[in-house]
Amino acid sequence: MVVVMAAENEQITEPPTCSGCEIEMEFRGAGTMRTVPVVGQEIEFRQYSCPECGRGARLERREHEEEWSRPIL
């Protein structure tokens, strides 16, 4: 995964590649959530989907400086 820096020091991650079609996935949305409501740790996420087969991928990070990675289920 390649990461480039934007003007505001925000990391922009290149979209993941679909494991089935081997094409670049399209960005579908982003947001934040808490692991436990109110007191939990905040997780930032980005969602992608393959325009060819419809498979999806979700990248997450817990801290702003952390690299984006796929969640461990």
C-alpha atoms as a PDB file:
ATOM      1  CA  MET A   1       0.000   0.000   0.000  1.00  0.00           C
ATOM      2  CA  VAL A   2       1.390   3.394  -0.978  1.00  0.00           C
ATOM      3  CA  VAL A   3       0.792   6.413   1.253  1.00  0.00           C
ATOM      4  CA  VAL A   4       1.359  10.019   0.120  1.00  0.00           C
ATOM      5  CA  MET A   5       1.172  13.177   2.221  1.00  0.00           C
ATOM      6  CA  ALA A   6      -1.381  15.898   1.464  1.00  0.00           C
ATOM      7  CA  ALA A   7      -0.865  19.602   2.064  1.00  0.00           C
ATOM      8  CA  GLU A   8      -2.425  19.549   5.544  1.00  0.00           C
ATOM      9  CA  ASN A   9      -0.273  16.574   6.681  1.00  0.00           C
ATOM     10  CA  GLU A  10      -3.258  14.283   6.144  1.00  0.00           C
ATOM     11  CA  GLN A  11      -2.234  10.895   4.777  1.00  0.00           C
ATOM     12  CA  ILE A  12      -3.997   9.883   1.583  1.00  0.00           C
ATOM     13  CA  THR A  13      -3.980   6.174   0.899  1.00  0.00           C
ATOM     14  CA  GLU A  14      -4.175   4.787  -2.616  1.00  0.00           C
ATOM     15  CA  PRO A  15      -7.234   2.560  -3.013  1.00  0.00           C
ATOM     16  CA  PRO A  16      -6.700  -1.171  -2.458  1.00  0.00           C
ATOM     17  CA  THR A  17      -6.748  -3.623  -5.360  1.00  0.00           C
ATOM     18  CA  CYS A  18      -9.527  -6.231  -5.616  1.00  0.00           C
ATOM     19  CA  SER A  19      -8.134  -9.702  -4.897  1.00  0.00           C
ATOM     20  CA  GLY A  20     -10.499 -11.294  -7.438  1.00  0.00           C
ATOM     21  CA  CYS A  21     -10.426  -8.852 -10.366  1.00  0.00           C
ATOM     22  CA  GLU A  22      -6.984  -7.293  -9.766  1.00  0.00           C
ATOM     23  CA  ILE A  23      -8.358  -3.788 -10.465  1.00  0.00           C
ATOM     24  CA  GLU A  24      -8.321  -0.704  -8.255  1.00  0.00           C
ATOM     25  CA  MET A  25     -11.304  -0.381  -5.919  1.00  0.00           C
ATOM     26  CA  GLU A  26     -13.409   2.796  -5.785  1.00  0.00           C
ATOM     27  CA  PHE A  27     -13.759   4.944  -2.668  1.00  0.00           C
ATOM     28  CA  ARG A  28     -17.280   4.680  -1.194  1.00  0.00           C
ATOM     29  CA  GLY A  29     -17.172   6.535   2.106  1.00  0.00           C
ATOM     30  CA  ALA A  30     -15.363   7.404   5.320  1.00  0.00           C
ATOM     31  CA  GLY A  31     -16.170   8.158   8.914  1.00  0.00           C
ATOM     32  CA  THR A  32     -15.363   7.558  12.557  1.00  0.00           C
ATOM     33  CA  MET A  33     -16.839   5.277  15.199  1.00  0.00           C
ATOM     34  CA  ARG A  34     -16.131   4.309  18.792  1.00  0.00           C
ATOM     35  CA  THR A  35     -15.251   0.781  19.895  1.00  0.00           C
ATOM     36  CA  VAL A  36     -17.537   1.238  22.923  1.00  0.00           C
ATOM     37  CA  PRO A  37     -20.105   4.081  22.890  1.00  0.00           C
ATOM     38  CA  VAL A  38     -19.044   7.253  24.776  1.00  0.00           C
ATOM     39  CA  VAL A  39     -15.925   5.830  26.520  1.00  0.00           C
ATOM     40  CA  GLY A  40     -14.377   3.707  23.752  1.00  0.00           C
ATOM     41  CA  GLN A  41     -11.436   4.427  21.510  1.00  0.00           C
ATOM     42  CA  GLU A  42     -12.253   6.293  18.290  1.00  0.00           C
ATOM     43  CA  ILE A  43     -11.560   4.461  15.023  1.00  0.00           C
ATOM     44  CA  GLU A  44     -11.349   6.227  11.682  1.00  0.00           C
ATOM     45  CA  PHE A  45     -12.369   4.155   8.635  1.00  0.00           C
ATOM     46  CA  ARG A  46     -12.557   4.273   4.834  1.00  0.00           C
ATOM     47  CA  GLN A  47     -14.637   1.943   2.678  1.00  0.00           C
ATOM     48  CA  TYR A  48     -13.941   0.838  -0.898  1.00  0.00           C
ATOM     49  CA  SER A  49     -15.720  -1.436  -3.376  1.00  0.00           C
ATOM     50  CA  CYS A  50     -14.782  -3.115  -6.633  1.00  0.00           C
ATOM     51  CA  PRO A  51     -16.675  -1.651  -9.614  1.00  0.00           C
ATOM     52  CA  GLU A  52     -16.377  -4.999 -11.422  1.00  0.00           C
ATOM     53  CA  CYS A  53     -17.484  -7.671  -8.909  1.00  0.00           C
ATOM     54  CA  GLY A  54     -18.820  -5.603  -5.982  1.00  0.00           C
ATOM     55  CA  ARG A  55     -16.427  -6.940  -3.325  1.00  0.00           C
ATOM     56  CA  GLY A  56     -15.635  -4.484  -0.577  1.00  0.00           C
ATOM     57  CA  ALA A  57     -12.698  -3.496   1.609  1.00  0.00           C
ATOM     58  CA  ARG A  58     -12.494  -1.443   4.781  1.00  0.00           C
ATOM     59  CA  LEU A  59      -9.350   0.284   6.028  1.00  0.00           C
ATOM     60  CA  GLU A  60      -9.065   1.487   9.626  1.00  0.00           C
ATOM     61  CA  ARG A  61      -6.689   3.352  11.901  1.00  0.00           C
ATOM     62  CA  ARG A  62      -6.913   4.170  15.604  1.00  0.00           C
ATOM     63  CA  GLU A  63      -4.521   7.118  15.734  1.00  0.00           C
ATOM     64  CA  HIS A  64      -4.023   9.941  13.246  1.00  0.00           C
ATOM     65  CA  GLU A  65      -0.339   9.070  12.686  1.00  0.00           C
ATOM     66  CA  GLU A  66      -1.015   5.332  12.280  1.00  0.00           C
ATOM     67  CA  GLU A  67      -0.974   3.720   8.815  1.00  0.00           C
ATOM     68  CA  TRP A  68      -4.266   2.551   7.323  1.00  0.00           C
ATOM     69  CA  SER A  69      -4.773  -1.228   7.552  1.00  0.00           C
ATOM     70  CA  ARG A  70      -7.498  -3.808   7.097  1.00  0.00           C
ATOM     71  CA  PRO A  71      -9.267  -4.694  10.348  1.00  0.00           C
ATOM     72  CA  ILE A  72      -8.537  -8.052  11.961  1.00  0.00           C
ATOM     73  CA  LEU A  73     -11.763  -9.983  12.371  1.00  0.00           C
END
